[in-house]
C-alpha atoms as a PDB file:
ATOM      1  CA  MET A   1      15.945  -8.691  12.561  1.00  0.00           C
ATOM      2  CA  ARG A   2      14.987  -8.137  16.424  1.00  0.00           C
ATOM      3  CA  VAL A   3      11.262  -8.906  17.530  1.00  0.00           C
ATOM      4  CA  ASP A   4      12.135  -9.947  21.094  1.00  0.00           C
ATOM      5  CA  PHE A   5      10.664  -6.511  22.066  1.00  0.00           C
ATOM      6  CA  LEU A   6       7.169  -7.700  20.648  1.00  0.00           C
ATOM      7  CA  ARG A   7       4.657  -8.186  23.235  1.00  0.00           C
ATOM      8  CA  ALA A   8       1.365  -9.786  22.008  1.00  0.00           C
ATOM      9  CA  ALA A   9      -0.609  -6.489  22.837  1.00  0.00           C
ATOM     10  CA  GLY A  10      -2.863  -5.899  19.939  1.00  0.00           C
ATOM     11  CA  PRO A  11      -3.789  -2.805  18.541  1.00  0.00           C
ATOM     12  CA  ALA A  12      -6.260  -0.834  21.132  1.00  0.00           C
ATOM     13  CA  GLY A  13     -10.341  -1.243  20.927  1.00  0.00           C
ATOM     14  CA  ALA A  14     -10.719  -4.906  19.303  1.00  0.00           C
ATOM     15  CA  THR A  15     -11.547  -7.164  21.979  1.00  0.00           C
ATOM     16  CA  PRO A  16      -8.884 -10.163  20.817  1.00  0.00           C
ATOM     17  CA  ASP A  17     -11.249 -13.270  21.643  1.00  0.00           C
ATOM     18  CA  ALA A  18     -14.417 -12.066  19.622  1.00  0.00           C
ATOM     19  CA  ALA A  19     -15.289 -10.973  17.015  1.00  0.00           C
ATOM     20  CA  VAL A  20     -17.162  -7.543  16.426  1.00  0.00           C
ATOM     21  CA  ILE A  21     -20.769  -7.731  15.196  1.00  0.00           C
ATOM     22  CA  VAL A  22     -22.087  -4.518  14.057  1.00  0.00           C
ATOM     23  CA  PRO A  23     -26.225  -3.748  12.805  1.00  0.00           C
ATOM     24  CA  ASP A  24     -25.899  -2.411   9.578  1.00  0.00           C
ATOM     25  CA  ALA A  25     -29.331  -0.622   8.695  1.00  0.00           C
ATOM     26  CA  MET A  26     -28.479   0.152   5.071  1.00  0.00           C
ATOM     27  CA  MET A  27     -27.573  -3.486   4.094  1.00  0.00           C
ATOM     28  CA  GLY A  28     -30.648  -5.292   6.593  1.00  0.00           C
ATOM     29  CA  PHE A  29     -28.237  -7.814   8.459  1.00  0.00           C
ATOM     30  CA  ALA A  30     -25.638  -7.649  11.308  1.00  0.00           C
ATOM     31  CA  VAL A  31     -22.080  -7.088   9.683  1.00  0.00           C
ATOM     32  CA  ASN A  32     -19.528  -9.489  11.343  1.00  0.00           C
ATOM     33  CA  TYR A  33     -16.137  -8.380  11.445  1.00  0.00           C
ATOM     34  CA  GLY A  34     -12.962 -10.113  12.642  1.00  0.00           C
ATOM     35  CA  ASN A  35     -10.164  -8.526  14.340  1.00  0.00           C
ATOM     36  CA  SER A  36      -6.203  -8.495  14.619  1.00  0.00           C
ATOM     37  CA  PHE A  37      -5.931 -11.471  16.564  1.00  0.00           C
ATOM     38  CA  HIS A  38      -8.191 -13.610  13.979  1.00  0.00           C
ATOM     39  CA  LEU A  39      -6.450 -12.216  11.097  1.00  0.00           C
ATOM     40  CA  ARG A  40      -2.994 -13.223  12.658  1.00  0.00           C
ATOM     41  CA  GLU A  41      -4.098 -16.843  13.038  1.00  0.00           C
ATOM     42  CA  GLN A  42      -6.147 -16.994   9.935  1.00  0.00           C
ATOM     43  CA  LEU A  43      -2.511 -15.692   8.109  1.00  0.00           C
ATOM     44  CA  LEU A  44      -0.194 -18.317  10.045  1.00  0.00           C
ATOM     45  CA  TYR A  45      -2.685 -20.884   8.963  1.00  0.00           C
ATOM     46  CA  LYS A  46      -2.943 -20.096   5.577  1.00  0.00           C
ATOM     47  CA  ILE A  47       0.360 -19.694   5.177  1.00  0.00           C
ATOM     48  CA  ARG A  48       1.640 -23.092   6.832  1.00  0.00           C
ATOM     49  CA  SER A  49      -1.363 -24.868   4.856  1.00  0.00           C
ATOM     50  CA  ALA A  50      -0.936 -23.312   1.279  1.00  0.00           C
ATOM     51  CA  SER A  51      -0.241 -25.100  -1.557  1.00  0.00           C
ATOM     52  CA  LYS A  52       1.433 -23.790  -5.127  1.00  0.00           C
ATOM     53  CA  GLY A  53      -2.359 -23.936  -6.274  1.00  0.00           C
ATOM     54  CA  HIS A  54      -3.377 -21.486  -3.462  1.00  0.00           C
ATOM     55  CA  GLN A  55      -0.757 -19.278  -2.512  1.00  0.00           C
ATOM     56  CA  VAL A  56      -0.841 -16.455  -0.281  1.00  0.00           C
ATOM     57  CA  ALA A  57      -0.594 -13.168  -1.469  1.00  0.00           C
ATOM     58  CA  PHE A  58      -0.635  -9.308  -0.401  1.00  0.00           C
ATOM     59  CA  VAL A  59      -2.246  -5.647  -1.023  1.00  0.00           C
ATOM     60  CA  VAL A  60      -0.083  -3.329   0.776  1.00  0.00           C
ATOM     61  CA  GLY A  61      -0.586   0.165   0.868  1.00  0.00           C
ATOM     62  CA  SER A  62       1.095   3.637   2.557  1.00  0.00           C
ATOM     63  CA  GLY A  63       0.323   2.792   5.912  1.00  0.00           C
ATOM     64  CA  LEU A  64       3.156   0.181   5.854  1.00  0.00           C
ATOM     65  CA  THR A  65       5.909   2.840   5.607  1.00  0.00           C
ATOM     66  CA  ARG A  66       4.281   5.738   7.396  1.00  0.00           C
ATOM     67  CA  GLU A  67       7.054   5.657   9.755  1.00  0.00           C
ATOM     68  CA  THR A  68       9.323   6.920   7.605  1.00  0.00           C
ATOM     69  CA  VAL A  69       7.697   8.234   4.054  1.00  0.00           C
ATOM     70  CA  PRO A  70       5.779  11.649   4.310  1.00  0.00           C
ATOM     71  CA  GLY A  71       1.954  11.088   4.538  1.00  0.00           C
ATOM     72  CA  VAL A  72      -0.479  12.673   2.393  1.00  0.00           C
ATOM     73  CA  SER A  73      -1.015  15.856   4.941  1.00  0.00           C
ATOM     74  CA  GLU A  74       2.936  16.234   4.786  1.00  0.00           C
ATOM     75  CA  TYR A  75       3.146  16.049   1.322  1.00  0.00           C
ATOM     76  CA  VAL A  76       0.379  18.549   1.014  1.00  0.00           C
ATOM     77  CA  ALA A  77       2.961  20.709   2.851  1.00  0.00           C
ATOM     78  CA  MET A  78       6.131  20.028   0.506  1.00  0.00           C
ATOM     79  CA  MET A  79       3.942  20.676  -2.788  1.00  0.00           C
ATOM     80  CA  ARG A  80       3.040  24.393  -1.215  1.00  0.00           C
ATOM     81  CA  LYS A  81       6.514  24.839  -0.180  1.00  0.00           C
ATOM     82  CA  SER A  82       7.982  24.072  -3.720  1.00  0.00           C
ATOM     83  CA  LEU A  83       5.845  27.262  -4.730  1.00  0.00           C
ATOM     84  CA  GLU A  84       6.816  29.869  -2.121  1.00  0.00           C
ATOM     85  CA  SER A  85       9.013  32.180  -4.632  1.00  0.00           C
ATOM     86  CA  GLU A  86       5.997  32.170  -6.511  1.00  0.00           C
ATOM     87  CA  PRO A  87       3.791  33.942  -3.789  1.00  0.00           C
ATOM     88  CA  TRP A  88       0.616  34.231  -6.323  1.00  0.00           C
ATOM     89  CA  LEU A  89       0.645  30.651  -6.883  1.00  0.00           C
ATOM     90  CA  SER A  90       0.565  29.853  -3.149  1.00  0.00           C
ATOM     91  CA  ALA A  91      -2.042  31.896  -2.450  1.00  0.00           C
ATOM     92  CA  ARG A  92      -4.355  30.585  -5.334  1.00  0.00           C
ATOM     93  CA  PHE A  93      -2.855  27.015  -4.269  1.00  0.00           C
ATOM     94  CA  ASP A  94      -4.494  27.690  -0.458  1.00  0.00           C
ATOM     95  CA  GLU A  95      -7.518  29.093  -2.424  1.00  0.00           C
ATOM     96  CA  GLU A  96      -8.353  25.614  -4.283  1.00  0.00           C
ATOM     97  CA  ILE A  97      -6.959  23.219  -1.933  1.00  0.00           C
ATOM     98  CA  THR A  98     -10.036  22.639  -0.043  1.00  0.00           C
ATOM     99  CA  GLY A  99     -10.783  19.220   0.176  1.00  0.00           C
ATOM    100  CA  PRO A 100     -12.784  17.895   3.608  1.00  0.00           C
ATOM    101  CA  THR A 101      -9.878  15.341   3.925  1.00  0.00           C
ATOM    102  CA  TRP A 102      -6.277  15.061   3.712  1.00  0.00           C
ATOM    103  CA  THR A 103      -6.743  12.314   1.007  1.00  0.00           C
ATOM    104  CA  GLU A 104      -8.735  14.861  -0.541  1.00  0.00           C
ATOM    105  CA  LYS A 105      -6.555  17.686  -0.286  1.00  0.00           C
ATOM    106  CA  TYR A 106      -3.595  15.803  -1.673  1.00  0.00           C
ATOM    107  CA  GLN A 107      -5.093  14.792  -4.824  1.00  0.00           C
ATOM    108  CA  GLN A 108      -6.199  18.588  -5.289  1.00  0.00           C
ATOM    109  CA  ALA A 109      -2.777  19.622  -4.549  1.00  0.00           C
ATOM    110  CA  ALA A 110      -1.104  17.095  -7.083  1.00  0.00           C
ATOM    111  CA  ALA A 111      -3.652  18.011  -9.588  1.00  0.00           C
ATOM    112  CA  PHE A 112      -2.495  21.950  -9.138  1.00  0.00           C
ATOM    113  CA  ILE A 113       1.075  21.171  -9.009  1.00  0.00           C
ATOM    114  CA  SER A 114       0.789  18.970 -12.182  1.00  0.00           C
ATOM    115  CA  HIS A 115      -1.268  21.951 -13.690  1.00  0.00           C
ATOM    116  CA  VAL A 116       0.550  25.023 -12.919  1.00  0.00           C
ATOM    117  CA  LYS A 117       3.882  23.062 -13.151  1.00  0.00           C
ATOM    118  CA  ASP A 118       4.151  19.530 -14.613  1.00  0.00           C
ATOM    119  CA  GLN A 119       4.663  16.188 -13.823  1.00  0.00           C
ATOM    120  CA  ASP A 120       8.402  16.203 -13.522  1.00  0.00           C
ATOM    121  CA  HIS A 121       7.900  18.895 -11.150  1.00  0.00           C
ATOM    122  CA  LEU A 122       5.447  16.653  -8.832  1.00  0.00           C
ATOM    123  CA  ASN A 123       7.685  13.416  -9.546  1.00  0.00           C
ATOM    124  CA  GLN A 124      10.769  15.603  -7.656  1.00  0.00           C
ATOM    125  CA  ILE A 125       8.750  16.728  -4.989  1.00  0.00           C
ATOM    126  CA  ILE A 126       7.578  12.918  -4.559  1.00  0.00           C
ATOM    127  CA  ARG A 127      11.507  11.781  -4.699  1.00  0.00           C
ATOM    128  CA  LYS A 128      12.276  14.302  -2.207  1.00  0.00           C
ATOM    129  CA  GLY A 129       9.611  12.842   0.339  1.00  0.00           C
ATOM    130  CA  VAL A 130      10.996   9.380  -0.019  1.00  0.00           C
ATOM    131  CA  ILE A 131      14.642  10.357   0.172  1.00  0.00           C
ATOM    132  CA  ARG A 132      13.439  11.303   3.417  1.00  0.00           C
ATOM    133  CA  ALA A 133      13.597   7.636   4.614  1.00  0.00           C
ATOM    134  CA  CYS A 134      17.341   7.245   3.491  1.00  0.00           C
ATOM    135  CA  ARG A 135      19.942   8.199   6.145  1.00  0.00           C
ATOM    136  CA  ASP A 136      22.379   9.206   3.535  1.00  0.00           C
ATOM    137  CA  VAL A 137      20.610  12.592   2.594  1.00  0.00           C
ATOM    138  CA  ASP A 138      20.679  13.586   6.047  1.00  0.00           C
ATOM    139  CA  SER A 139      23.234  16.651   5.841  1.00  0.00           C
ATOM    140  CA  MET A 140      23.531  16.837   2.178  1.00  0.00           C
ATOM    141  CA  PRO A 141      22.564  20.535   0.823  1.00  0.00           C
ATOM    142  CA  GLU A 142      19.247  21.523  -0.523  1.00  0.00           C
ATOM    143  CA  ASP A 143      20.337  22.378  -4.131  1.00  0.00           C
ATOM    144  CA  GLU A 144      22.413  18.736  -3.992  1.00  0.00           C
ATOM    145  CA  ILE A 145      18.975  17.353  -3.116  1.00  0.00           C
ATOM    146  CA  ASP A 146      17.652  19.276  -6.321  1.00  0.00           C
ATOM    147  CA  GLU A 147      19.986  17.590  -8.588  1.00  0.00           C
ATOM    148  CA  LEU A 148      19.684  14.251  -7.149  1.00  0.00           C
ATOM    149  CA  VAL A 149      15.907  13.883  -7.346  1.00  0.00           C
ATOM    150  CA  LYS A 150      16.373  14.596 -11.246  1.00  0.00           C
ATOM    151  CA  ASP A 151      18.993  11.698 -11.608  1.00  0.00           C
ATOM    152  CA  GLU A 152      17.086   8.470 -12.090  1.00  0.00           C
ATOM    153  CA  SER A 153      20.816   6.586 -12.405  1.00  0.00           C
ATOM    154  CA  LEU A 154      21.690   8.100  -8.923  1.00  0.00           C
ATOM    155  CA  LEU A 155      18.436   7.138  -7.555  1.00  0.00           C
ATOM    156  CA  ARG A 156      18.962   3.525  -8.537  1.00  0.00           C
ATOM    157  CA  LEU A 157      21.932   3.610  -6.642  1.00  0.00           C
ATOM    158  CA  LEU A 158      20.732   5.341  -3.904  1.00  0.00           C
ATOM    159  CA  GLU A 159      17.866   2.634  -3.636  1.00  0.00           C
ATOM    160  CA  LYS A 160      20.269  -0.318  -3.694  1.00  0.00           C
ATOM    161  CA  GLU A 161      23.130   0.944  -1.585  1.00  0.00           C
ATOM    162  CA  GLY A 162      21.886   3.576   0.832  1.00  0.00           C
ATOM    163  CA  THR A 163      21.001   2.961   4.430  1.00  0.00           C
ATOM    164  CA  TRP A 164      17.375   3.433   4.795  1.00  0.00           C
ATOM    165  CA  ASN A 165      15.220   3.637   7.913  1.00  0.00           C
ATOM    166  CA  LEU A 166      12.848   0.527   8.037  1.00  0.00           C
ATOM    167  CA  GLY A 167       9.976   1.058  10.196  1.00  0.00           C
ATOM    168  CA  ILE A 168       9.204  -1.764  11.974  1.00  0.00           C
ATOM    169  CA  GLY A 169       6.437  -2.911   9.983  1.00  0.00           C
ATOM    170  CA  VAL A 170       8.025  -2.983   6.261  1.00  0.00           C
ATOM    171  CA  GLU A 171      10.809  -4.845   7.850  1.00  0.00           C
ATOM    172  CA  ALA A 172       8.856  -7.538   9.262  1.00  0.00           C
ATOM    173  CA  PHE A 173       7.014  -7.695   6.298  1.00  0.00           C
ATOM    174  CA  GLY A 174       9.921  -8.222   4.461  1.00  0.00           C
ATOM    175  CA  LEU A 175      11.657 -10.822   6.282  1.00  0.00           C
ATOM    176  CA  LEU A 176       8.411 -12.707   6.442  1.00  0.00           C
ATOM    177  CA  LEU A 177       7.831 -12.790   2.733  1.00  0.00           C
ATOM    178  CA  THR A 178      11.369 -14.493   2.538  1.00  0.00           C
ATOM    179  CA  LEU A 179      10.264 -17.108   5.218  1.00  0.00           C
ATOM    180  CA  ILE A 180       7.203 -18.262   3.058  1.00  0.00           C
ATOM    181  CA  PRO A 181       8.398 -20.760   0.961  1.00  0.00           C
ATOM    182  CA  PRO A 182       8.261 -19.676  -3.186  1.00  0.00           C
ATOM    183  CA  GLU A 183       5.896 -22.443  -3.662  1.00  0.00           C
ATOM    184  CA  LYS A 184       3.447 -20.577  -1.219  1.00  0.00           C
ATOM    185  CA  ARG A 185       4.292 -17.149  -2.018  1.00  0.00           C
ATOM    186  CA  GLY A 186       2.174 -14.999  -4.336  1.00  0.00           C
ATOM    187  CA  PRO A 187       3.021 -11.801  -5.510  1.00  0.00           C
ATOM    188  CA  VAL A 188       2.631  -8.331  -3.415  1.00  0.00           C
ATOM    189  CA  LEU A 189       0.658  -5.531  -4.949  1.00  0.00           C
ATOM    190  CA  THR A 190       1.302  -2.212  -3.732  1.00  0.00           C
ATOM    191  CA  THR A 191      -0.028   1.499  -4.153  1.00  0.00           C
ATOM    192  CA  ASN A 192       3.071   2.851  -2.640  1.00  0.00           C
ATOM    193  CA  PHE A 193       5.730   4.817  -4.775  1.00  0.00           C
ATOM    194  CA  ASP A 194       8.436   4.184  -2.566  1.00  0.00           C
ATOM    195  CA  PRO A 195      11.238   1.034  -2.332  1.00  0.00           C
ATOM    196  CA  LEU A 196      10.901   0.183   1.313  1.00  0.00           C
ATOM    197  CA  ILE A 197       9.554  -3.384   0.553  1.00  0.00           C
ATOM    198  CA  GLU A 198      12.308  -3.883  -2.094  1.00  0.00           C
ATOM    199  CA  VAL A 199      15.029  -2.534   0.698  1.00  0.00           C
ATOM    200  CA  SER A 200      13.521  -4.508   3.578  1.00  0.00           C
ATOM    201  CA  ILE A 201      13.810  -8.129   0.742  1.00  0.00           C
ATOM    202  CA  ARG A 202      17.352  -7.154   0.416  1.00  0.00           C
ATOM    203  CA  SER A 203      18.027  -6.632   4.065  1.00  0.00           C
ATOM    204  CA  ALA A 204      16.375 -10.093   4.385  1.00  0.00           C
ATOM    205  CA  GLY A 205      18.654 -11.363   1.801  1.00  0.00           C
ATOM    206  CA  ALA A 206      16.251 -11.884  -0.736  1.00  0.00           C
ATOM    207  CA  ARG A 207      15.782 -10.665  -4.317  1.00  0.00           C
ATOM    208  CA  PRO A 208      12.909  -8.537  -5.520  1.00  0.00           C
ATOM    209  CA  ALA A 209      11.428  -8.925  -8.952  1.00  0.00           C
ATOM    210  CA  VAL A 210      10.047  -5.163  -9.067  1.00  0.00           C
ATOM    211  CA  GLN A 211       7.250  -4.035 -11.715  1.00  0.00           C
ATOM    212  CA  TRP A 212       5.822  -0.468 -11.652  1.00  0.00           C
ATOM    213  CA  MET A 213       2.560   0.486 -13.358  1.00  0.00           C
ATOM    214  CA  VAL A 214       1.554   4.295 -14.733  1.00  0.00           C
ATOM    215  CA  GLU A 215      -0.098   3.331 -17.821  1.00  0.00           C
ATOM    216  CA  ASP A 216      -2.322   0.250 -18.514  1.00  0.00           C
ATOM    217  CA  GLY A 217      -0.233  -2.695 -19.481  1.00  0.00           C
ATOM    218  CA  SER A 218      -0.194  -6.320 -18.165  1.00  0.00           C
ATOM    219  CA  ILE A 219       1.805  -7.436 -15.188  1.00  0.00           C
ATOM    220  CA  SER A 220       4.723  -9.687 -16.233  1.00  0.00           C
ATOM    221  CA  ASP A 221       5.070 -13.078 -14.808  1.00  0.00           C
ATOM    222  CA  PHE A 222       8.712 -13.618 -13.315  1.00  0.00           C
ATOM    223  CA  ASP A 223       9.579 -17.373 -14.085  1.00  0.00           C
ATOM    224  CA  SER A 224      12.151 -17.346 -10.857  1.00  0.00           C
ATOM    225  CA  ASP A 225      11.532 -19.357  -7.867  1.00  0.00           C
ATOM    226  CA  ASP A 226      13.954 -17.198  -5.846  1.00  0.00           C
ATOM    227  CA  ALA A 227      12.574 -13.814  -6.453  1.00  0.00           C
ATOM    228  CA  ILE A 228       9.747 -12.338  -4.559  1.00  0.00           C
ATOM    229  CA  ASP A 229       7.405 -10.352  -7.135  1.00  0.00           C
ATOM    230  CA  VAL A 230       6.533  -6.778  -5.709  1.00  0.00           C
ATOM    231  CA  ILE A 231       4.154  -4.803  -8.308  1.00  0.00           C
ATOM    232  CA  HIS A 232       3.545  -0.855  -7.969  1.00  0.00           C
ATOM    233  CA  MET A 233       0.003  -0.351  -9.209  1.00  0.00           C
ATOM    234  CA  HIS A 234       0.765   3.592  -9.185  1.00  0.00           C
ATOM    235  CA  GLY A 235       3.978   4.044 -10.739  1.00  0.00           C
ATOM    236  CA  TYR A 236       7.872   3.759  -8.980  1.00  0.00           C
ATOM    237  CA  TRP A 237       9.504   6.536  -7.247  1.00  0.00           C
ATOM    238  CA  ARG A 238      12.656   6.749  -9.604  1.00  0.00           C
ATOM    239  CA  ARG A 239      10.933   5.234 -12.916  1.00  0.00           C
ATOM    240  CA  GLY A 240       8.980   8.218 -14.770  1.00  0.00           C
ATOM    241  CA  GLY A 241       5.664   9.715 -13.771  1.00  0.00           C
ATOM    242  CA  THR A 242       3.505   7.908 -10.485  1.00  0.00           C
ATOM    243  CA  LEU A 243      -0.405   8.823 -10.350  1.00  0.00           C
ATOM    244  CA  HIS A 244      -2.084  10.969  -7.478  1.00  0.00           C
ATOM    245  CA  THR A 245      -5.174  12.139  -8.494  1.00  0.00           C
ATOM    246  CA  GLN A 246      -8.636  10.703  -8.634  1.00  0.00           C
ATOM    247  CA  SER A 247      -9.048  11.099 -12.708  1.00  0.00           C
ATOM    248  CA  GLN A 248      -5.717   9.059 -12.913  1.00  0.00           C
ATOM    249  CA  LEU A 249      -6.400   6.315 -10.218  1.00  0.00           C
ATOM    250  CA  GLY A 250     -10.046   5.752 -11.666  1.00  0.00           C
ATOM    251  CA  ARG A 251      -9.526   5.750 -15.182  1.00  0.00           C
ATOM    252  CA  ASP A 252      -9.967   2.671 -16.842  1.00  0.00           C
ATOM    253  CA  ARG A 253      -7.240   0.486 -17.202  1.00  0.00           C
ATOM    254  CA  MET A 254      -8.812  -2.986 -18.681  1.00  0.00           C
ATOM    255  CA  GLU A 255      -5.452  -4.627 -19.454  1.00  0.00           C
ATOM    256  CA  LEU A 256      -4.172  -4.318 -15.845  1.00  0.00           C
ATOM    257  CA  ASP A 257      -7.611  -5.551 -14.346  1.00  0.00           C
ATOM    258  CA  GLY A 258      -7.442  -8.321 -16.050  1.00  0.00           C
ATOM    259  CA  SER A 259      -3.952  -9.010 -15.152  1.00  0.00           C
ATOM    260  CA  ILE A 260      -4.535  -8.158 -11.790  1.00  0.00           C
ATOM    261  CA  ARG A 261      -7.437 -10.865 -11.479  1.00  0.00           C
ATOM    262  CA  GLU A 262      -5.012 -13.569 -13.322  1.00  0.00           C
ATOM    263  CA  ARG A 263      -2.359 -12.984 -10.816  1.00  0.00           C
ATOM    264  CA  LEU A 264      -4.466 -13.283  -8.054  1.00  0.00           C
ATOM    265  CA  ARG A 265      -6.518 -16.056  -9.297  1.00  0.00           C
ATOM    266  CA  ASN A 266      -6.789 -18.937  -6.657  1.00  0.00           C
ATOM    267  CA  LYS A 267      -4.798 -16.725  -4.189  1.00  0.00           C
ATOM    268  CA  TYR A 268      -5.133 -16.114  -0.663  1.00  0.00           C
ATOM    269  CA  VAL A 269      -4.900 -12.335  -0.193  1.00  0.00           C
ATOM    270  CA  VAL A 270      -4.195 -10.254   2.646  1.00  0.00           C
ATOM    271  CA  VAL A 271      -5.310  -6.781   2.007  1.00  0.00           C
ATOM    272  CA  CYS A 272      -3.590  -4.508   4.889  1.00  0.00           C
ATOM    273  CA  ALA A 273      -2.120  -0.772   5.789  1.00  0.00           C
ATOM    274  CA  TYR A 274      -4.810   0.163   2.415  1.00  0.00           C
ATOM    275  CA  GLY A 275      -7.015   2.847   2.065  1.00  0.00           C
ATOM    276  CA  GLY A 276      -9.352   1.531  -0.382  1.00  0.00           C
ATOM    277  CA  TRP A 277      -8.946   4.144  -2.573  1.00  0.00           C
ATOM    278  CA  ARG A 278     -10.665   3.723  -6.201  1.00  0.00           C
ATOM    279  CA  ASP A 279      -7.929   2.208  -8.328  1.00  0.00           C
ATOM    280  CA  ALA A 280      -7.248  -0.539 -10.100  1.00  0.00           C
ATOM    281  CA  PHE A 281      -6.936  -2.875  -7.320  1.00  0.00           C
ATOM    282  CA  THR A 282     -10.691  -1.849  -5.597  1.00  0.00           C
ATOM    283  CA  LYS A 283     -11.855  -1.644  -9.323  1.00  0.00           C
ATOM    284  CA  SER A 284     -10.946  -5.674 -10.168  1.00  0.00           C
ATOM    285  CA  ILE A 285     -12.410  -6.645  -6.580  1.00  0.00           C
ATOM    286  CA  MET A 286     -15.722  -4.751  -7.600  1.00  0.00           C
ATOM    287  CA  GLY A 287     -15.553  -6.170 -11.131  1.00  0.00           C
ATOM    288  CA  ARG A 288     -15.837  -9.600  -9.196  1.00  0.00           C
ATOM    289  CA  LEU A 289     -19.056  -8.412  -7.071  1.00  0.00           C
ATOM    290  CA  ARG A 290     -20.557  -7.463 -10.482  1.00  0.00           C
ATOM    291  CA  GLU A 291     -19.565 -10.754 -12.159  1.00  0.00           C
ATOM    292  CA  ARG A 292     -20.219 -12.828  -9.056  1.00  0.00           C
ATOM    293  CA  ASN A 293     -17.173 -14.486  -9.490  1.00  0.00           C
ATOM    294  CA  CYS A 294     -14.304 -14.382  -7.383  1.00  0.00           C
ATOM    295  CA  LEU A 295     -12.015 -16.576  -9.697  1.00  0.00           C
ATOM    296  CA  GLY A 296     -11.212 -18.917  -6.660  1.00  0.00           C
ATOM    297  CA  MET A 297      -9.980 -16.132  -4.780  1.00  0.00           C
ATOM    298  CA  GLU A 298     -10.197 -15.523  -0.765  1.00  0.00           C
ATOM    299  CA  VAL A 299      -9.691 -12.210   0.196  1.00  0.00           C
ATOM    300  CA  SER A 300      -9.112 -10.970   4.127  1.00  0.00           C
ATOM    301  CA  TRP A 301      -9.296  -7.081   4.259  1.00  0.00           C
ATOM    302  CA  ALA A 302      -7.822  -5.428   7.169  1.00  0.00           C
ATOM    303  CA  TRP A 303      -8.750  -2.032   8.320  1.00  0.00           C
ATOM    304  CA  HIS A 304      -6.966   0.052  10.508  1.00  0.00           C
ATOM    305  CA  MET A 305     -10.181   1.900  11.544  1.00  0.00           C
ATOM    306  CA  GLN A 306     -12.586   0.198  13.848  1.00  0.00           C
ATOM    307  CA  ALA A 307     -15.907  -1.219  13.243  1.00  0.00           C
ATOM    308  CA  HIS A 308     -18.086   1.852  14.180  1.00  0.00           C
ATOM    309  CA  GLU A 309     -16.163   4.074  11.965  1.00  0.00           C
ATOM    310  CA  LEU A 310     -16.161   1.637   8.929  1.00  0.00           C
ATOM    311  CA  SER A 311     -19.778   0.518   9.214  1.00  0.00           C
ATOM    312  CA  SER A 312     -20.500   4.633   9.211  1.00  0.00           C
ATOM    313  CA  LEU A 313     -18.488   5.132   6.013  1.00  0.00           C
ATOM    314  CA  ASN A 314     -20.758   4.819   2.617  1.00  0.00           C
ATOM    315  CA  GLY A 315     -17.740   3.618   0.688  1.00  0.00           C
ATOM    316  CA  ILE A 316     -16.015   0.318  -0.317  1.00  0.00           C
ATOM    317  CA  GLY A 317     -16.591  -1.225   3.479  1.00  0.00           C
ATOM    318  CA  LYS A 318     -20.214  -1.268   2.371  1.00  0.00           C
ATOM    319  CA  GLU A 319     -19.552  -2.817  -1.269  1.00  0.00           C
ATOM    320  CA  LEU A 320     -17.143  -5.072   0.284  1.00  0.00           C
ATOM    321  CA  GLN A 321     -20.065  -6.825   2.684  1.00  0.00           C
ATOM    322  CA  GLN A 322     -21.783  -7.814  -0.231  1.00  0.00           C
ATOM    323  CA  ILE A 323     -18.663 -10.270  -1.677  1.00  0.00           C
ATOM    324  CA  HIS A 324     -18.678 -13.850  -0.381  1.00  0.00           C
ATOM    325  CA  CYS A 325     -15.117 -14.228  -1.075  1.00  0.00           C
ATOM    326  CA  VAL A 326     -14.198 -10.842   1.248  1.00  0.00           C
ATOM    327  CA  ALA A 327     -13.702 -11.234   4.925  1.00  0.00           C
ATOM    328  CA  GLN A 328     -13.208  -7.912   6.451  1.00  0.00           C
ATOM    329  CA  PHE A 329     -11.027  -7.340   9.736  1.00  0.00           C
ATOM    330  CA  VAL A 330     -11.105  -4.174  11.940  1.00  0.00           C
ATOM    331  CA  GLY A 331      -8.497  -2.773  14.204  1.00  0.00           C
ATOM    332  CA  VAL A 332      -5.706  -4.063  12.567  1.00  0.00           C
ATOM    333  CA  ASP A 333      -2.189  -2.525  12.797  1.00  0.00           C
ATOM    334  CA  ALA A 334      -0.164  -3.580   9.872  1.00  0.00           C
ATOM    335  CA  ASP A 335       3.284  -3.232  12.057  1.00  0.00           C
ATOM    336  CA  LEU A 336       1.767  -5.473  14.749  1.00  0.00           C
ATOM    337  CA  LEU A 337       0.408  -7.941  12.602  1.00  0.00           C
ATOM    338  CA  PHE A 338       3.231  -9.064  10.605  1.00  0.00           C
ATOM    339  CA  LEU A 339       5.544  -8.717  13.519  1.00  0.00           C
ATOM    340  CA  GLU A 340       3.626 -11.358  15.548  1.00  0.00           C
ATOM    341  CA  VAL A 341       2.899 -13.612  12.645  1.00  0.00           C
ATOM    342  CA  LEU A 342       6.956 -13.635  12.414  1.00  0.00           C
ATOM    343  CA  THR A 343       7.266 -14.488  16.364  1.00  0.00           C
ATOM    344  CA  LYS A 344       4.709 -17.426  15.789  1.00  0.00           C
ATOM    345  CA  LEU A 345       5.804 -18.513  12.168  1.00  0.00           C
END
């Protein structure tokens, strides 16, 4: 992989040689945020010094694959388009999909589709979005695409043998994972449905060990030093259903919650390109807050937004400030972070 085009210009906004301190009236104290430079140096330090008892793990979200996989606004448009032949449904769609943010619109749209159609219809929309990242389907007629997304065996073949457009961030991430020695490498947890992390790992010459969780259940522990564990917490694009709505994401999955905490116990965990939805992972982290027990985890939580934006949110960022094992970093572009780490590793 070429990384020679990278220049060490971090994301705009954060000063590379100073932390960001923001007064927080609600918390009653100033919040000291790190920035992209700090996280890059910390990640390099942790990779170099990690031991088998304190491995480096990652939690990544859709920001990592945003270059080639549709975002929430595009998926909302795709869901509406799937109803065009039934104008009374598309009209009702417009009436009901009124959320103030695209994330909320996406969740409302997914719920609407599953209510007036079914989960299979929604799954096929998600699959059509994912295969936009595969060059092999660029010239494929629409009716052939309709048949393709119904066939899990063909999708599996496409995943492994197709030519995929990997954005620079996910390509760098896959290569980075292969360069971390197995004894220092923890699992990758992701909220993404798409296979681009797996594709990037294979492209870098390694083998992913893929798991997907839709219902409650435990994460398996593969006893293989050469495989890279990738766990899809909201389901996987070509295997059954996927989770989209707040009711699906927010429901209790106690077995998975316990499994996440055990897989991340005593790990250095980098959370990046992840919006912090109220899902299994964030509920598990918040559970450590209630229990006052981080289980030996050290979490570096990277936000793409800047400090003033984060401090104005009454969401997970506020709650994370209360957990002693979590450090927050602002103005972090995941693509640049992983590329810069590669150039210095």
